[in-house]
C-alpha atoms as a PDB file:
ATOM      1  CA  MET A   1     332.561 151.733-142.465  1.00  0.00           C
ATOM      2  CA  ARG A   2     335.600 150.016-140.970  1.00  0.00           C
ATOM      3  CA  ALA A   3     333.960 146.603-141.454  1.00  0.00           C
ATOM      4  CA  LEU A   4     333.396 147.282-145.173  1.00  0.00           C
ATOM      5  CA  ASN A   5     337.093 148.081-145.548  1.00  0.00           C
ATOM      6  CA  TYR A   6     338.041 144.643-144.382  1.00  0.00           C
ATOM      7  CA  LEU A   7     335.603 142.751-146.618  1.00  0.00           C
ATOM      8  CA  ALA A   8     338.061 142.895-149.488  1.00  0.00           C
ATOM      9  CA  PHE A   9     340.531 140.914-147.376  1.00  0.00           C
ATOM     10  CA  MET A  10     338.172 138.203-146.199  1.00  0.00           C
ATOM     11  CA  PRO A  11     339.096 135.603-148.836  1.00  0.00           C
ATOM     12  CA  LEU A  12     342.795 136.131-147.808  1.00  0.00           C
ATOM     13  CA  ALA A  13     342.042 136.059-144.117  1.00  0.00           C
ATOM     14  CA  SER A  14     340.437 132.637-144.370  1.00  0.00           C
ATOM     15  CA  ARG A  15     343.679 131.291-145.729  1.00  0.00           C
ATOM     16  CA  ALA A  16     345.904 133.159-143.238  1.00  0.00           C
ATOM     17  CA  PRO A  17     346.806 130.006-141.178  1.00  0.00           C
ATOM     18  CA  THR A  18     348.004 128.269-144.295  1.00  0.00           C
ATOM     19  CA  TYR A  19     350.097 131.293-145.357  1.00  0.00           C
ATOM     20  CA  GLY A  20     351.362 131.569-141.753  1.00  0.00           C
ATOM     21  CA  ARG A  21     352.792 128.048-142.069  1.00  0.00           C
ATOM     22  CA  LEU A  22     354.339 128.888-145.440  1.00  0.00           C
ATOM     23  CA  LEU A  23     355.938 132.074-144.008  1.00  0.00           C
ATOM     24  CA  GLY A  24     357.119 130.207-140.934  1.00  0.00           C
ATOM     25  CA  SER A  25     358.716 127.527-143.063  1.00  0.00           C
ATOM     26  CA  LEU A  26     360.514 130.078-145.259  1.00  0.00           C
ATOM     27  CA  LEU A  27     361.608 132.169-142.295  1.00  0.00           C
ATOM     28  CA  THR A  28     363.359 129.178-140.693  1.00  0.00           C
ATOM     29  CA  ASP A  29     364.978 128.156-144.018  1.00  0.00           C
ATOM     30  CA  ALA A  30     368.665 129.061-144.127  1.00  0.00           C
ATOM     31  CA  ARG A  31     368.494 129.486-147.957  1.00  0.00           C
ATOM     32  CA  VAL A  32     366.411 132.694-147.533  1.00  0.00           C
ATOM     33  CA  PRO A  33     368.686 135.725-147.094  1.00  0.00           C
ATOM     34  CA  TRP A  34     368.297 137.640-143.816  1.00  0.00           C
ATOM     35  CA  THR A  35     367.645 140.800-145.808  1.00  0.00           C
ATOM     36  CA  HIS A  36     364.515 139.220-147.240  1.00  0.00           C
ATOM     37  CA  LYS A  37     363.410 138.181-143.712  1.00  0.00           C
ATOM     38  CA  ALA A  38     364.012 141.743-142.558  1.00  0.00           C
ATOM     39  CA  ILE A  39     361.133 142.844-144.760  1.00  0.00           C
ATOM     40  CA  LEU A  40     358.701 140.932-142.579  1.00  0.00           C
ATOM     41  CA  GLY A  41     360.509 142.125-139.407  1.00  0.00           C
ATOM     42  CA  LEU A  42     360.065 145.745-140.485  1.00  0.00           C
ATOM     43  CA  ALA A  43     356.305 145.181-141.130  1.00  0.00           C
ATOM     44  CA  VAL A  44     355.905 143.601-137.733  1.00  0.00           C
ATOM     45  CA  GLY A  45     357.635 146.543-136.215  1.00  0.00           C
ATOM     46  CA  TYR A  46     355.323 148.995-137.988  1.00  0.00           C
ATOM     47  CA  VAL A  47     352.203 147.077-136.958  1.00  0.00           C
ATOM     48  CA  LEU A  48     353.333 146.918-133.307  1.00  0.00           C
ATOM     49  CA  SER A  49     354.500 150.532-133.244  1.00  0.00           C
ATOM     50  CA  PRO A  50     352.164 153.163-131.747  1.00  0.00           C
ATOM     51  CA  VAL A  51     353.324 155.629-134.418  1.00  0.00           C
ATOM     52  CA  GLU A  52     351.362 155.308-137.673  1.00  0.00           C
ATOM     53  CA  LEU A  53     351.727 156.938-141.063  1.00  0.00           C
ATOM     54  CA  VAL A  54     347.919 157.147-141.347  1.00  0.00           C
ATOM     55  CA  PRO A  55     346.086 157.838-138.048  1.00  0.00           C
ATOM     56  CA  ASP A  56     343.139 155.602-137.299  1.00  0.00           C
ATOM     57  CA  PHE A  57     340.710 158.531-137.408  1.00  0.00           C
ATOM     58  CA  VAL A  58     341.272 158.998-141.131  1.00  0.00           C
ATOM     59  CA  PRO A  59     338.359 157.351-142.924  1.00  0.00           C
ATOM     60  CA  VAL A  60     339.136 154.164-144.899  1.00  0.00           C
ATOM     61  CA  LEU A  61     342.983 154.571-144.893  1.00  0.00           C
ATOM     62  CA  GLY A  62     343.307 154.778-141.157  1.00  0.00           C
ATOM     63  CA  ALA A  63     341.784 151.369-140.704  1.00  0.00           C
ATOM     64  CA  MET A  64     343.683 149.780-143.504  1.00  0.00           C
ATOM     65  CA  ASP A  65     347.274 150.817-143.117  1.00  0.00           C
ATOM     66  CA  ASP A  66     348.309 147.952-140.814  1.00  0.00           C
ATOM     67  CA  VAL A  67     346.634 145.417-143.053  1.00  0.00           C
ATOM     68  CA  ALA A  68     348.062 146.967-146.197  1.00  0.00           C
ATOM     69  CA  VAL A  69     351.621 147.074-144.748  1.00  0.00           C
ATOM     70  CA  THR A  70     351.358 143.464-143.705  1.00  0.00           C
ATOM     71  CA  LEU A  71     350.046 142.223-147.046  1.00  0.00           C
ATOM     72  CA  LEU A  72     352.562 144.332-148.951  1.00  0.00           C
ATOM     73  CA  ALA A  73     355.418 142.974-146.848  1.00  0.00           C
ATOM     74  CA  VAL A  74     354.281 139.325-147.307  1.00  0.00           C
ATOM     75  CA  ASP A  75     353.893 139.947-151.057  1.00  0.00           C
ATOM     76  CA  LEU A  76     357.323 141.557-151.349  1.00  0.00           C
ATOM     77  CA  PHE A  77     358.854 138.763-149.237  1.00  0.00           C
ATOM     78  CA  LEU A  78     357.360 135.997-151.350  1.00  0.00           C
ATOM     79  CA  GLU A  79     358.198 137.762-154.602  1.00  0.00           C
ATOM     80  CA  ARG A  80     361.950 137.570-153.656  1.00  0.00           C
ATOM     81  CA  ILE A  81     361.890 133.801-152.889  1.00  0.00           C
ATOM     82  CA  PRO A  82     363.419 131.734-155.674  1.00  0.00           C
ATOM     83  CA  ASP A  83     360.755 129.804-157.519  1.00  0.00           C
ATOM     84  CA  GLU A  84     362.374 126.406-156.794  1.00  0.00           C
ATOM     85  CA  LEU A  85     362.402 127.016-153.074  1.00  0.00           C
ATOM     86  CA  LEU A  86     358.837 128.443-153.003  1.00  0.00           C
ATOM     87  CA  ASN A  87     357.512 125.510-155.020  1.00  0.00           C
ATOM     88  CA  GLN A  88     359.286 123.049-152.681  1.00  0.00           C
ATOM     89  CA  LYS A  89     357.711 124.675-149.605  1.00  0.00           C
ATOM     90  CA  LEU A  90     354.253 124.829-151.185  1.00  0.00           C
ATOM     91  CA  GLN A  91     354.496 121.151-152.066  1.00  0.00           C
ATOM     92  CA  GLU A  92     355.635 120.237-148.526  1.00  0.00           C
ATOM     93  CA  LEU A  93     352.613 122.057-147.108  1.00  0.00           C
ATOM     94  CA  GLY A  94     350.218 120.663-149.694  1.00  0.00           C
ATOM     95  CA  MET A  95     349.391 124.160-151.091  1.00  0.00           C
ATOM     96  CA  GLU A  96     348.676 125.035-154.735  1.00  0.00           C
ATOM     97  CA  ARG A  97     350.841 127.574-156.487  1.00  0.00           C
ATOM     98  CA  ASN A  98     347.799 128.830-158.544  1.00  0.00           C
ATOM     99  CA  ALA A  99     345.926 129.759-155.351  1.00  0.00           C
ATOM    100  CA  LEU A 100     348.954 131.645-154.026  1.00  0.00           C
ATOM    101  CA  GLU A 101     349.308 133.501-157.322  1.00  0.00           C
ATOM    102  CA  ARG A 102     345.617 134.470-157.309  1.00  0.00           C
ATOM    103  CA  ASP A 103     345.849 135.848-153.757  1.00  0.00           C
ATOM    104  CA  LEU A 104     349.066 137.782-154.560  1.00  0.00           C
ATOM    105  CA  ALA A 105     347.360 139.302-157.603  1.00  0.00           C
ATOM    106  CA  GLN A 106     344.459 140.400-155.500  1.00  0.00           C
ATOM    107  CA  VAL A 107     346.880 142.019-152.997  1.00  0.00           C
ATOM    108  CA  ARG A 108     348.741 143.756-155.817  1.00  0.00           C
ATOM    109  CA  ARG A 109     345.460 145.258-157.134  1.00  0.00           C
ATOM    110  CA  MET A 110     344.758 146.686-153.734  1.00  0.00           C
ATOM    111  CA  ILE A 111     348.137 148.418-153.349  1.00  0.00           C
ATOM    112  CA  PRO A 112     348.919 151.299-155.723  1.00  0.00           C
ATOM    113  CA  ARG A 113     351.811 150.607-158.146  1.00  0.00           C
ATOM    114  CA  PRO A 114     353.943 153.627-156.937  1.00  0.00           C
ATOM    115  CA  VAL A 115     353.778 152.358-153.374  1.00  0.00           C
ATOM    116  CA  ARG A 116     354.756 148.843-154.485  1.00  0.00           C
ATOM    117  CA  ARG A 117     357.655 150.290-156.509  1.00  0.00           C
ATOM    118  CA  ILE A 118     359.016 152.285-153.588  1.00  0.00           C
ATOM    119  CA  ILE A 119     358.640 149.462-151.158  1.00  0.00           C
ATOM    120  CA  GLY A 120     360.257 147.106-153.712  1.00  0.00           C
ATOM    121  CA  GLU A 121     363.546 148.993-153.116  1.00  0.00           C
ATOM    122  CA  LEU A 122     363.504 148.131-149.422  1.00  0.00           C
ATOM    123  CA  PRO A 123     365.683 144.960-149.673  1.00  0.00           C
ATOM    124  CA  MET A 124     368.344 147.002-151.541  1.00  0.00           C
ATOM    125  CA  VAL A 125     368.263 149.641-148.818  1.00  0.00           C
ATOM    126  CA  VAL A 126     368.644 147.045-146.135  1.00  0.00           C
ATOM    127  CA  GLU A 127     371.529 145.325-148.012  1.00  0.00           C
ATOM    128  CA  THR A 128     373.242 148.705-148.584  1.00  0.00           C
ATOM    129  CA  GLY A 129     372.861 149.599-144.910  1.00  0.00           C
ATOM    130  CA  ALA A 130     374.290 146.233-143.853  1.00  0.00           C
ATOM    131  CA  SER A 131     377.209 146.632-146.264  1.00  0.00           C
ATOM    132  CA  ILE A 132     377.944 150.090-144.873  1.00  0.00           C
ATOM    133  CA  ALA A 133     377.773 148.666-141.293  1.00  0.00           C
ATOM    134  CA  ARG A 134     380.144 145.810-142.217  1.00  0.00           C
ATOM    135  CA  GLY A 135     382.589 148.274-143.717  1.00  0.00           C
ATOM    136  CA  ALA A 136     382.508 150.483-140.644  1.00  0.00           C
ATOM    137  CA  LEU A 137     383.050 147.499-138.382  1.00  0.00           C
ATOM    138  CA  ALA A 138     386.003 146.278-140.522  1.00  0.00           C
ATOM    139  CA  ALA A 139     387.514 149.739-140.379  1.00  0.00           C
ATOM    140  CA  ALA A 140     387.089 149.857-136.581  1.00  0.00           C
ATOM    141  CA  ARG A 141     388.806 146.574-136.269  1.00  0.00           C
ATOM    142  CA  ARG A 142     391.683 147.604-138.518  1.00  0.00           C
ATOM    143  CA  THR A 143     392.329 150.749-136.484  1.00  0.00           C
ATOM    144  CA  GLY A 144     391.799 149.124-133.125  1.00  0.00           C
ATOM    145  CA  LEU A 145     388.909 151.415-132.394  1.00  0.00           C
ATOM    146  CA  ASP A 146     386.723 148.465-131.393  1.00  0.00           C
ATOM    147  CA  ARG A 147     389.209 147.406-128.660  1.00  0.00           C
ATOM    148  CA  ARG A 148     389.502 150.930-127.354  1.00  0.00           C
ATOM    149  CA  LEU A 149     385.741 151.400-127.330  1.00  0.00           C
ATOM    150  CA  ARG A 150     385.253 148.081-125.522  1.00  0.00           C
ATOM    151  CA  ALA A 151     387.880 149.040-122.958  1.00  0.00           C
ATOM    152  CA  TRP A 152     386.240 152.424-122.424  1.00  0.00           C
ATOM    153  CA  LEU A 153     382.805 150.862-121.971  1.00  0.00           C
ATOM    154  CA  GLU A 154     384.207 148.327-119.468  1.00  0.00           C
ATOM    155  CA  GLU A 155     385.841 151.133-117.467  1.00  0.00           C
ATOM    156  CA  THR A 156     382.631 153.240-117.322  1.00  0.00           C
ATOM    157  CA  ALA A 157     380.282 150.338-116.573  1.00  0.00           C
ATOM    158  CA  PRO A 158     379.338 150.069-112.922  1.00  0.00           C
ATOM    159  CA  GLU A 159     380.946 147.136-111.118  1.00  0.00           C
ATOM    160  CA  ARG A 160     378.562 144.288-110.552  1.00  0.00           C
ATOM    161  CA  ASP A 161     378.736 141.836-107.709  1.00  0.00           C
ATOM    162  CA  LEU A 162     378.627 138.490-109.529  1.00  0.00           C
ATOM    163  CA  GLU A 163     379.760 136.529-106.510  1.00  0.00           C
ATOM    164  CA  VAL A 164     377.322 133.931-105.192  1.00  0.00           C
ATOM    165  CA  ARG A 165     377.036 134.292-101.442  1.00  0.00           C
ATOM    166  CA  PRO A 166     376.135 131.266 -99.276  1.00  0.00           C
ATOM    167  CA  ALA A 167     372.728 131.505 -97.703  1.00  0.00           C
END
């Protein structure tokens, strides 16, 4: 049964190395915001995590959740890349935009629309969280809390012998 679940992904799997090069190129490009890159990081974290939303013993869905999360994250990531940048990377790698669009359309058909809509809000959530963290850090700096916290941590940290002793 599990093997049948993966058959729908076989055409995409054969092009995985090509898409891996595309993702690698985009991830190393400074023009791609870190919040977009975080989408892929969260997907990798989910796949590597022993905690799963759908346990493996659940028929069909249990075997597919890691694959679906990965494909959804890649689709969401690529959807947020500006067309000019994506076209440039595709051209550099000798890939056709039409083939990419066909594969993305296939992925979108496999993922229910409500799930895509909810996951589509993820970059906004990450950006909002980062904005809140920046604001909290700025407030800590204004009040001197960061210096006091650093001093407290240094006081409570065990002393380490960093001296190099002759042999």
